[in-house]
């Protein structure tokens, strides 16, 4: 079955993460069910653009957001490109499709003051959970790790002698990130406590039972601590990653260097963070330019 072949392709050859493969599977199955229900089509290989458009309209009427609809159509587009690749179809029915307009989400990073306040707050706690939680936040903020990357770091990937950590990013791309002295110090304290656990997993960050930490735990740690120092609506690991990039750019870091640290495939992904640092850039500009009104 072509859908099964496609899922195997993106999983085994393209090395997509399991949750990404599942998302593709759900999107394709959703469209398949729609085609059976509306057009009595048992497969989606020979659909027309009009039939896909009918699906888009039905999703809009159901209240599904434009962003989600675009993601589902993106899954279909990838599927039809695969069908072209294996010469199952000659042309994608989505060749001339234009994505629905989506309002840009404004990601507000934590301020330097908020980050400092969180670390001061975390310094007052002790014990295994407290030290591990501090390490979670320190690693997120000092390296710009994605939540999934943080969770999957193995103890063997931490190289304190060379002050680096090896990270496996999207599609298993490796990158090495520097470890700041304060983070190395926290790692040292954590490892002493970790040595006393009934360790079952090879991962760096574990629960008290010696198992690998999980996504909701990381989110809960971030949300709990930042709720005590910040009034921002969104408090998540991704906002810390956003803060990492924004603060580096505010301090004059090279955009390509930030791209490498974040593990982005293209500079366009990194340029999103330049909008957040525009306020700082304007301040520098107004202070420095000879014709500035502040001169």
C-alpha atoms as a PDB file:
ATOM      1  CA  UNK A   1       0.000   0.000   0.000  1.00  0.00           C
ATOM      2  CA  UNK A   2       1.490   3.389  -1.011  1.00  0.00           C
ATOM      3  CA  UNK A   3       0.731   5.068   2.335  1.00  0.00           C
ATOM      4  CA  UNK A   4       2.568   2.323   4.217  1.00  0.00           C
ATOM      5  CA  UNK A   5       5.496   2.612   1.792  1.00  0.00           C
ATOM      6  CA  UNK A   6       5.561   6.374   2.310  1.00  0.00           C
ATOM      7  CA  UNK A   7       5.574   6.054   6.099  1.00  0.00           C
ATOM      8  CA  UNK A   8       8.413   3.526   5.912  1.00  0.00           C
ATOM      9  CA  UNK A   9      10.304   5.914   3.622  1.00  0.00           C
ATOM     10  CA  UNK A  10      10.123   8.924   5.935  1.00  0.00           C
ATOM     11  CA  UNK A  11      10.839   6.767   8.977  1.00  0.00           C
ATOM     12  CA  UNK A  12      13.704   4.609   7.713  1.00  0.00           C
ATOM     13  CA  UNK A  13      15.289   6.668   4.933  1.00  0.00           C
ATOM     14  CA  UNK A  14      14.497  10.258   5.933  1.00  0.00           C
ATOM     15  CA  UNK A  15      14.940   9.435   9.640  1.00  0.00           C
ATOM     16  CA  UNK A  16      11.910  11.428  10.769  1.00  0.00           C
ATOM     17  CA  UNK A  17      11.081  11.219  14.479  1.00  0.00           C
ATOM     18  CA  UNK A  18       8.400   8.717  15.494  1.00  0.00           C
ATOM     19  CA  UNK A  19       5.937  11.431  16.561  1.00  0.00           C
ATOM     20  CA  UNK A  20       6.397  13.165  13.167  1.00  0.00           C
ATOM     21  CA  UNK A  21       5.698   9.910  11.316  1.00  0.00           C
ATOM     22  CA  UNK A  22       2.584   9.436  13.440  1.00  0.00           C
ATOM     23  CA  UNK A  23       1.386  12.950  12.553  1.00  0.00           C
ATOM     24  CA  UNK A  24       1.803  12.187   8.821  1.00  0.00           C
ATOM     25  CA  UNK A  25      -0.053   8.915   9.269  1.00  0.00           C
ATOM     26  CA  UNK A  26      -2.966  10.595  11.058  1.00  0.00           C
ATOM     27  CA  UNK A  27      -3.246  13.330   8.416  1.00  0.00           C
ATOM     28  CA  UNK A  28      -3.236  10.868   5.516  1.00  0.00           C
ATOM     29  CA  UNK A  29      -5.726   8.557   7.223  1.00  0.00           C
ATOM     30  CA  UNK A  30      -7.980  11.531   7.953  1.00  0.00           C
ATOM     31  CA  UNK A  31      -8.027  12.488   4.276  1.00  0.00           C
ATOM     32  CA  UNK A  32      -8.564   8.851   3.270  1.00  0.00           C
ATOM     33  CA  UNK A  33     -11.633   8.608   5.515  1.00  0.00           C
ATOM     34  CA  UNK A  34     -12.964  11.859   4.036  1.00  0.00           C
ATOM     35  CA  UNK A  35     -12.546  10.534   0.489  1.00  0.00           C
ATOM     36  CA  UNK A  36     -14.401   7.324   1.349  1.00  0.00           C
ATOM     37  CA  UNK A  37     -17.209   9.251   3.046  1.00  0.00           C
ATOM     38  CA  UNK A  38     -17.643  12.027   0.476  1.00  0.00           C
ATOM     39  CA  UNK A  39     -16.562  10.507  -2.835  1.00  0.00           C
ATOM     40  CA  UNK A  40     -16.642   6.728  -2.236  1.00  0.00           C
ATOM     41  CA  UNK A  41     -12.916   6.581  -3.106  1.00  0.00           C
ATOM     42  CA  UNK A  42     -10.994   3.672  -1.601  1.00  0.00           C
ATOM     43  CA  UNK A  43      -7.587   5.271  -2.208  1.00  0.00           C
ATOM     44  CA  UNK A  44      -6.219   8.815  -2.432  1.00  0.00           C
ATOM     45  CA  UNK A  45      -3.643   8.337  -5.167  1.00  0.00           C
ATOM     46  CA  UNK A  46      -5.924   9.522  -7.973  1.00  0.00           C
ATOM     47  CA  UNK A  47      -7.765  12.414  -6.314  1.00  0.00           C
ATOM     48  CA  UNK A  48      -8.224  15.786  -7.987  1.00  0.00           C
ATOM     49  CA  UNK A  49      -7.356  19.158  -6.527  1.00  0.00           C
ATOM     50  CA  UNK A  50     -11.083  19.929  -6.358  1.00  0.00           C
ATOM     51  CA  UNK A  51     -11.584  17.002  -3.981  1.00  0.00           C
ATOM     52  CA  UNK A  52      -8.695  18.173  -1.786  1.00  0.00           C
ATOM     53  CA  UNK A  53     -10.152  21.668  -1.834  1.00  0.00           C
ATOM     54  CA  UNK A  54     -13.471  20.212  -0.687  1.00  0.00           C
ATOM     55  CA  UNK A  55     -11.629  18.698   2.307  1.00  0.00           C
ATOM     56  CA  UNK A  56     -10.037  22.068   3.092  1.00  0.00           C
ATOM     57  CA  UNK A  57     -13.444  23.794   3.037  1.00  0.00           C
ATOM     58  CA  UNK A  58     -14.951  21.149   5.310  1.00  0.00           C
ATOM     59  CA  UNK A  59     -12.117  21.618   7.818  1.00  0.00           C
ATOM     60  CA  UNK A  60     -12.579  25.400   7.782  1.00  0.00           C
ATOM     61  CA  UNK A  61     -16.300  24.957   8.468  1.00  0.00           C
ATOM     62  CA  UNK A  62     -15.430  22.580  11.326  1.00  0.00           C
ATOM     63  CA  UNK A  63     -13.450  25.341  13.015  1.00  0.00           C
ATOM     64  CA  UNK A  64     -10.000  23.836  12.446  1.00  0.00           C
ATOM     65  CA  UNK A  65      -7.335  26.563  12.432  1.00  0.00           C
ATOM     66  CA  UNK A  66      -5.623  27.609   9.214  1.00  0.00           C
ATOM     67  CA  UNK A  67      -2.290  26.634  10.723  1.00  0.00           C
ATOM     68  CA  UNK A  68      -3.476  23.057  11.357  1.00  0.00           C
ATOM     69  CA  UNK A  69      -5.070  22.835   7.905  1.00  0.00           C
ATOM     70  CA  UNK A  70      -1.805  23.961   6.295  1.00  0.00           C
ATOM     71  CA  UNK A  71       0.057  21.285   8.226  1.00  0.00           C
ATOM     72  CA  UNK A  72      -2.346  18.593   7.029  1.00  0.00           C
ATOM     73  CA  UNK A  73      -2.017  19.778   3.433  1.00  0.00           C
ATOM     74  CA  UNK A  74       1.763  19.788   3.850  1.00  0.00           C
ATOM     75  CA  UNK A  75       1.537  16.105   4.802  1.00  0.00           C
ATOM     76  CA  UNK A  76      -0.472  15.450   1.641  1.00  0.00           C
ATOM     77  CA  UNK A  77       2.026  17.403  -0.451  1.00  0.00           C
ATOM     78  CA  UNK A  78       4.903  15.287   0.851  1.00  0.00           C
ATOM     79  CA  UNK A  79       2.930  12.137   0.126  1.00  0.00           C
ATOM     80  CA  UNK A  80       2.259  13.133  -3.481  1.00  0.00           C
ATOM     81  CA  UNK A  81       5.903  14.076  -3.993  1.00  0.00           C
ATOM     82  CA  UNK A  82       6.758  10.564  -2.834  1.00  0.00           C
ATOM     83  CA  UNK A  83       4.262   9.096  -5.307  1.00  0.00           C
ATOM     84  CA  UNK A  84       5.952  11.096  -8.074  1.00  0.00           C
ATOM     85  CA  UNK A  85       9.334   9.839  -6.901  1.00  0.00           C
ATOM     86  CA  UNK A  86       8.269   6.199  -7.213  1.00  0.00           C
ATOM     87  CA  UNK A  87       6.457   7.025 -10.491  1.00  0.00           C
ATOM     88  CA  UNK A  88       3.035   6.152  -9.158  1.00  0.00           C
ATOM     89  CA  UNK A  89       1.640   9.495 -10.390  1.00  0.00           C
ATOM     90  CA  UNK A  90       2.932  11.988 -12.968  1.00  0.00           C
ATOM     91  CA  UNK A  91       1.841  15.223 -11.276  1.00  0.00           C
ATOM     92  CA  UNK A  92       0.838  16.241  -7.781  1.00  0.00           C
ATOM     93  CA  UNK A  93      -2.760  17.472  -7.453  1.00  0.00           C
ATOM     94  CA  UNK A  94      -1.363  20.130  -5.097  1.00  0.00           C
ATOM     95  CA  UNK A  95       0.969  21.615  -7.703  1.00  0.00           C
ATOM     96  CA  UNK A  96      -0.786  25.003  -7.740  1.00  0.00           C
ATOM     97  CA  UNK A  97      -2.138  25.038  -4.185  1.00  0.00           C
ATOM     98  CA  UNK A  98      -1.486  28.103  -2.015  1.00  0.00           C
ATOM     99  CA  UNK A  99      -1.476  27.761   1.799  1.00  0.00           C
ATOM    100  CA  UNK A 100      -4.155  29.518   3.821  1.00  0.00           C
ATOM    101  CA  UNK A 101      -3.140  32.790   5.432  1.00  0.00           C
ATOM    102  CA  UNK A 102      -1.957  32.402   9.016  1.00  0.00           C
ATOM    103  CA  UNK A 103      -1.446  35.181  11.556  1.00  0.00           C
ATOM    104  CA  UNK A 104       2.122  35.152  12.811  1.00  0.00           C
ATOM    105  CA  UNK A 105       2.458  34.041  16.418  1.00  0.00           C
ATOM    106  CA  UNK A 106       4.380  36.488  18.552  1.00  0.00           C
ATOM    107  CA  UNK A 107       6.821  34.560  20.731  1.00  0.00           C
ATOM    108  CA  UNK A 108       7.782  36.746  23.677  1.00  0.00           C
ATOM    109  CA  UNK A 109      11.096  35.615  25.181  1.00  0.00           C
ATOM    110  CA  UNK A 110      11.903  35.769  28.876  1.00  0.00           C
ATOM    111  CA  UNK A 111      13.913  38.824  29.819  1.00  0.00           C
ATOM    112  CA  UNK A 112      17.420  38.725  31.277  1.00  0.00           C
ATOM    113  CA  UNK A 113      15.867  39.801  34.579  1.00  0.00           C
ATOM    114  CA  UNK A 114      13.363  36.911  34.536  1.00  0.00           C
ATOM    115  CA  UNK A 115      16.074  34.369  33.743  1.00  0.00           C
ATOM    116  CA  UNK A 116      18.220  35.675  36.594  1.00  0.00           C
ATOM    117  CA  UNK A 117      15.246  35.544  38.974  1.00  0.00           C
ATOM    118  CA  UNK A 118      14.527  31.908  38.080  1.00  0.00           C
ATOM    119  CA  UNK A 119      18.104  30.816  38.738  1.00  0.00           C
ATOM    120  CA  UNK A 120      18.148  32.701  42.051  1.00  0.00           C
ATOM    121  CA  UNK A 121      14.920  30.913  42.960  1.00  0.00           C
ATOM    122  CA  UNK A 122      16.313  27.516  41.997  1.00  0.00           C
ATOM    123  CA  UNK A 123      19.477  28.099  44.032  1.00  0.00           C
ATOM    124  CA  UNK A 124      17.369  28.047  47.220  1.00  0.00           C
ATOM    125  CA  UNK A 125      16.272  24.411  46.675  1.00  0.00           C
ATOM    126  CA  UNK A 126      18.302  21.251  47.229  1.00  0.00           C
ATOM    127  CA  UNK A 127      17.908  17.499  46.748  1.00  0.00           C
ATOM    128  CA  UNK A 128      17.886  15.331  43.653  1.00  0.00           C
ATOM    129  CA  UNK A 129      14.749  16.761  42.001  1.00  0.00           C
ATOM    130  CA  UNK A 130      15.809  20.362  42.645  1.00  0.00           C
ATOM    131  CA  UNK A 131      19.335  19.930  41.229  1.00  0.00           C
ATOM    132  CA  UNK A 132      18.028  17.990  38.230  1.00  0.00           C
ATOM    133  CA  UNK A 133      15.374  20.651  37.576  1.00  0.00           C
ATOM    134  CA  UNK A 134      17.997  23.386  37.742  1.00  0.00           C
ATOM    135  CA  UNK A 135      20.143  21.453  35.276  1.00  0.00           C
ATOM    136  CA  UNK A 136      17.160  21.124  32.932  1.00  0.00           C
ATOM    137  CA  UNK A 137      16.643  24.896  32.856  1.00  0.00           C
ATOM    138  CA  UNK A 138      20.384  25.657  32.667  1.00  0.00           C
ATOM    139  CA  UNK A 139      20.887  23.319  29.723  1.00  0.00           C
ATOM    140  CA  UNK A 140      17.856  24.713  27.887  1.00  0.00           C
ATOM    141  CA  UNK A 141      18.967  28.314  28.380  1.00  0.00           C
ATOM    142  CA  UNK A 142      22.734  27.914  27.906  1.00  0.00           C
ATOM    143  CA  UNK A 143      22.567  25.711  24.794  1.00  0.00           C
ATOM    144  CA  UNK A 144      19.186  26.419  23.170  1.00  0.00           C
ATOM    145  CA  UNK A 145      18.268  22.717  23.129  1.00  0.00           C
ATOM    146  CA  UNK A 146      14.914  21.494  21.908  1.00  0.00           C
ATOM    147  CA  UNK A 147      12.908  19.644  24.543  1.00  0.00           C
ATOM    148  CA  UNK A 148      13.221  16.316  22.690  1.00  0.00           C
ATOM    149  CA  UNK A 149      16.990  16.809  22.350  1.00  0.00           C
ATOM    150  CA  UNK A 150      17.329  17.468  26.071  1.00  0.00           C
ATOM    151  CA  UNK A 151      15.356  14.359  27.015  1.00  0.00           C
ATOM    152  CA  UNK A 152      17.398  12.076  24.768  1.00  0.00           C
ATOM    153  CA  UNK A 153      20.906  13.191  25.778  1.00  0.00           C
ATOM    154  CA  UNK A 154      22.920  10.162  26.913  1.00  0.00           C
ATOM    155  CA  UNK A 155      25.404  10.404  29.759  1.00  0.00           C
ATOM    156  CA  UNK A 156      28.102   9.318  27.291  1.00  0.00           C
ATOM    157  CA  UNK A 157      27.435  12.440  25.194  1.00  0.00           C
ATOM    158  CA  UNK A 158      28.581  14.748  28.000  1.00  0.00           C
ATOM    159  CA  UNK A 159      32.295  15.539  27.725  1.00  0.00           C
ATOM    160  CA  UNK A 160      33.321  17.577  30.763  1.00  0.00           C
ATOM    161  CA  UNK A 161      37.019  17.312  29.850  1.00  0.00           C
ATOM    162  CA  UNK A 162      36.386  19.201  26.603  1.00  0.00           C
ATOM    163  CA  UNK A 163      33.496  21.214  28.071  1.00  0.00           C
ATOM    164  CA  UNK A 164      31.063  20.106  25.354  1.00  0.00           C
ATOM    165  CA  UNK A 165      27.917  18.100  24.900  1.00  0.00           C
ATOM    166  CA  UNK A 166      26.963  16.132  21.783  1.00  0.00           C
ATOM    167  CA  UNK A 167      23.376  16.557  20.624  1.00  0.00           C
ATOM    168  CA  UNK A 168      21.369  14.521  18.138  1.00  0.00           C
ATOM    169  CA  UNK A 169      18.993  16.948  16.445  1.00  0.00           C
ATOM    170  CA  UNK A 170      16.327  16.528  13.814  1.00  0.00           C
ATOM    171  CA  UNK A 171      16.971  13.665  11.384  1.00  0.00           C
ATOM    172  CA  UNK A 172      19.805  12.513  13.674  1.00  0.00           C
ATOM    173  CA  UNK A 173      22.091  15.408  12.748  1.00  0.00           C
ATOM    174  CA  UNK A 174      24.917  15.745  15.279  1.00  0.00           C
ATOM    175  CA  UNK A 175      26.156  19.006  16.707  1.00  0.00           C
ATOM    176  CA  UNK A 176      28.497  19.819  19.586  1.00  0.00           C
ATOM    177  CA  UNK A 177      27.570  22.567  22.029  1.00  0.00           C
ATOM    178  CA  UNK A 178      29.795  24.300  24.588  1.00  0.00           C
ATOM    179  CA  UNK A 179      29.091  23.880  28.298  1.00  0.00           C
ATOM    180  CA  UNK A 180      29.428  27.015  30.397  1.00  0.00           C
ATOM    181  CA  UNK A 181      31.269  26.773  33.731  1.00  0.00           C
ATOM    182  CA  UNK A 182      28.113  27.205  35.859  1.00  0.00           C
ATOM    183  CA  UNK A 183      26.428  24.385  33.908  1.00  0.00           C
ATOM    184  CA  UNK A 184      29.466  22.141  34.373  1.00  0.00           C
ATOM    185  CA  UNK A 185      29.277  22.826  38.105  1.00  0.00           C
ATOM    186  CA  UNK A 186      25.576  21.862  38.216  1.00  0.00           C
ATOM    187  CA  UNK A 187      26.284  18.720  36.170  1.00  0.00           C
ATOM    188  CA  UNK A 188      28.951  17.727  38.709  1.00  0.00           C
ATOM    189  CA  UNK A 189      26.520  18.142  41.627  1.00  0.00           C
ATOM    190  CA  UNK A 190      23.799  16.280  39.747  1.00  0.00           C
ATOM    191  CA  UNK A 191      26.020  13.347  38.784  1.00  0.00           C
ATOM    192  CA  UNK A 192      26.917  12.734  42.438  1.00  0.00           C
ATOM    193  CA  UNK A 193      23.223  12.448  43.278  1.00  0.00           C
ATOM    194  CA  UNK A 194      22.495  10.454  40.119  1.00  0.00           C
ATOM    195  CA  UNK A 195      25.107   7.869  41.156  1.00  0.00           C
ATOM    196  CA  UNK A 196      22.903   6.931  44.095  1.00  0.00           C
ATOM    197  CA  UNK A 197      19.887   6.077  41.932  1.00  0.00           C
ATOM    198  CA  UNK A 198      18.844   2.604  40.797  1.00  0.00           C
ATOM    199  CA  UNK A 199      19.909   3.697  37.299  1.00  0.00           C
ATOM    200  CA  UNK A 200      18.034   1.910  34.545  1.00  0.00           C
ATOM    201  CA  UNK A 201      18.471   4.282  31.619  1.00  0.00           C
ATOM    202  CA  UNK A 202      21.653   5.527  29.915  1.00  0.00           C
ATOM    203  CA  UNK A 203      20.250   9.053  29.649  1.00  0.00           C
ATOM    204  CA  UNK A 204      21.772  12.013  31.450  1.00  0.00           C
ATOM    205  CA  UNK A 205      18.526  13.261  32.971  1.00  0.00           C
ATOM    206  CA  UNK A 206      16.534  10.758  34.983  1.00  0.00           C
ATOM    207  CA  UNK A 207      13.599  10.516  37.339  1.00  0.00           C
ATOM    208  CA  UNK A 208      14.124   9.365  40.933  1.00  0.00           C
ATOM    209  CA  UNK A 209      13.338   5.842  39.751  1.00  0.00           C
ATOM    210  CA  UNK A 210      16.258   5.927  37.327  1.00  0.00           C
ATOM    211  CA  UNK A 211      14.097   6.231  34.217  1.00  0.00           C
ATOM    212  CA  UNK A 212      14.453   8.704  31.360  1.00  0.00           C
ATOM    213  CA  UNK A 213      12.627  11.976  31.960  1.00  0.00           C
ATOM    214  CA  UNK A 214       9.617  12.685  29.760  1.00  0.00           C
ATOM    215  CA  UNK A 215       8.173  15.688  27.902  1.00  0.00           C
ATOM    216  CA  UNK A 216       5.448  16.622  30.384  1.00  0.00           C
ATOM    217  CA  UNK A 217       7.975  16.579  33.233  1.00  0.00           C
ATOM    218  CA  UNK A 218      10.211  19.088  31.412  1.00  0.00           C
ATOM    219  CA  UNK A 219       7.237  21.309  30.615  1.00  0.00           C
ATOM    220  CA  UNK A 220       6.020  21.115  34.204  1.00  0.00           C
ATOM    221  CA  UNK A 221       9.445  22.095  35.580  1.00  0.00           C
ATOM    222  CA  UNK A 222       9.678  25.128  33.296  1.00  0.00           C
ATOM    223  CA  UNK A 223       6.086  26.228  33.857  1.00  0.00           C
ATOM    224  CA  UNK A 224       6.267  25.818  37.646  1.00  0.00           C
ATOM    225  CA  UNK A 225       9.411  27.889  38.167  1.00  0.00           C
ATOM    226  CA  UNK A 226       8.737  30.588  35.598  1.00  0.00           C
ATOM    227  CA  UNK A 227       5.169  31.077  36.878  1.00  0.00           C
ATOM    228  CA  UNK A 228       6.760  32.355  40.091  1.00  0.00           C
ATOM    229  CA  UNK A 229       8.819  35.066  38.374  1.00  0.00           C
ATOM    230  CA  UNK A 230       7.012  35.889  35.109  1.00  0.00           C
ATOM    231  CA  UNK A 231       3.523  37.057  34.149  1.00  0.00           C
ATOM    232  CA  UNK A 232       3.945  35.972  30.521  1.00  0.00           C
ATOM    233  CA  UNK A 233       1.108  33.819  29.219  1.00  0.00           C
ATOM    234  CA  UNK A 234       3.304  31.190  27.564  1.00  0.00           C
ATOM    235  CA  UNK A 235       5.990  29.535  29.658  1.00  0.00           C
ATOM    236  CA  UNK A 236       7.528  26.547  27.924  1.00  0.00           C
ATOM    237  CA  UNK A 237      10.867  24.951  26.985  1.00  0.00           C
ATOM    238  CA  UNK A 238      10.530  26.477  23.522  1.00  0.00           C
ATOM    239  CA  UNK A 239      10.291  29.986  24.992  1.00  0.00           C
ATOM    240  CA  UNK A 240      13.592  29.340  26.794  1.00  0.00           C
ATOM    241  CA  UNK A 241      15.105  28.289  23.447  1.00  0.00           C
ATOM    242  CA  UNK A 242      13.637  31.474  21.980  1.00  0.00           C
ATOM    243  CA  UNK A 243      15.174  33.491  24.829  1.00  0.00           C
ATOM    244  CA  UNK A 244      18.573  31.855  24.276  1.00  0.00           C
ATOM    245  CA  UNK A 245      18.641  32.921  20.613  1.00  0.00           C
ATOM    246  CA  UNK A 246      17.235  36.383  21.245  1.00  0.00           C
ATOM    247  CA  UNK A 247      19.673  37.192  24.057  1.00  0.00           C
ATOM    248  CA  UNK A 248      22.648  36.039  21.965  1.00  0.00           C
ATOM    249  CA  UNK A 249      21.564  38.236  19.048  1.00  0.00           C
ATOM    250  CA  UNK A 250      20.954  41.165  21.404  1.00  0.00           C
ATOM    251  CA  UNK A 251      24.567  40.873  22.532  1.00  0.00           C
ATOM    252  CA  UNK A 252      25.828  40.946  18.953  1.00  0.00           C
ATOM    253  CA  UNK A 253      26.235  37.232  18.185  1.00  0.00           C
ATOM    254  CA  UNK A 254      26.602  36.318  14.512  1.00  0.00           C
ATOM    255  CA  UNK A 255      23.386  34.990  12.964  1.00  0.00           C
ATOM    256  CA  UNK A 256      25.186  32.029  11.373  1.00  0.00           C
ATOM    257  CA  UNK A 257      26.717  31.103  14.733  1.00  0.00           C
ATOM    258  CA  UNK A 258      23.273  31.133  16.367  1.00  0.00           C
ATOM    259  CA  UNK A 259      21.956  29.020  13.465  1.00  0.00           C
ATOM    260  CA  UNK A 260      24.652  26.404  14.146  1.00  0.00           C
ATOM    261  CA  UNK A 261      23.950  26.377  17.888  1.00  0.00           C
ATOM    262  CA  UNK A 262      20.211  25.933  17.345  1.00  0.00           C
ATOM    263  CA  UNK A 263      20.719  23.173  14.785  1.00  0.00           C
ATOM    264  CA  UNK A 264      18.665  24.904  12.110  1.00  0.00           C
ATOM    265  CA  UNK A 265      18.878  23.589   8.560  1.00  0.00           C
ATOM    266  CA  UNK A 266      18.362  27.027   7.008  1.00  0.00           C
ATOM    267  CA  UNK A 267      19.103  30.605   7.987  1.00  0.00           C
ATOM    268  CA  UNK A 268      15.446  31.492   7.413  1.00  0.00           C
ATOM    269  CA  UNK A 269      14.478  29.526  10.545  1.00  0.00           C
ATOM    270  CA  UNK A 270      16.985  31.489  12.639  1.00  0.00           C
ATOM    271  CA  UNK A 271      15.952  34.861  11.232  1.00  0.00           C
ATOM    272  CA  UNK A 272      12.648  34.551  13.088  1.00  0.00           C
ATOM    273  CA  UNK A 273      14.534  35.492  16.250  1.00  0.00           C
ATOM    274  CA  UNK A 274      15.884  38.716  14.750  1.00  0.00           C
ATOM    275  CA  UNK A 275      12.430  40.277  15.121  1.00  0.00           C
ATOM    276  CA  UNK A 276      12.616  39.924  18.891  1.00  0.00           C
ATOM    277  CA  UNK A 277      15.999  41.648  19.013  1.00  0.00           C
ATOM    278  CA  UNK A 278      14.897  44.537  16.780  1.00  0.00           C
ATOM    279  CA  UNK A 279      14.058  46.705  19.798  1.00  0.00           C
ATOM    280  CA  UNK A 280      17.595  46.376  21.113  1.00  0.00           C
ATOM    281  CA  UNK A 281      18.986  47.042  17.644  1.00  0.00           C
ATOM    282  CA  UNK A 282      16.971  50.258  17.408  1.00  0.00           C
ATOM    283  CA  UNK A 283      18.310  51.429  20.760  1.00  0.00           C
ATOM    284  CA  UNK A 284      21.892  50.796  19.655  1.00  0.00           C
ATOM    285  CA  UNK A 285      21.181  52.536  16.346  1.00  0.00           C
ATOM    286  CA  UNK A 286      19.680  55.612  18.012  1.00  0.00           C
ATOM    287  CA  UNK A 287      22.599  55.885  20.435  1.00  0.00           C
ATOM    288  CA  UNK A 288      25.253  55.434  17.763  1.00  0.00           C
ATOM    289  CA  UNK A 289      24.084  57.146  14.577  1.00  0.00           C
ATOM    290  CA  UNK A 290      25.411  60.702  14.103  1.00  0.00           C
ATOM    291  CA  UNK A 291      22.019  62.040  12.995  1.00  0.00           C
ATOM    292  CA  UNK A 292      20.062  60.408  15.809  1.00  0.00           C
ATOM    293  CA  UNK A 293      17.788  62.739  17.766  1.00  0.00           C
ATOM    294  CA  UNK A 294      19.355  61.376  20.980  1.00  0.00           C
ATOM    295  CA  UNK A 295      22.753  62.786  20.017  1.00  0.00           C
END
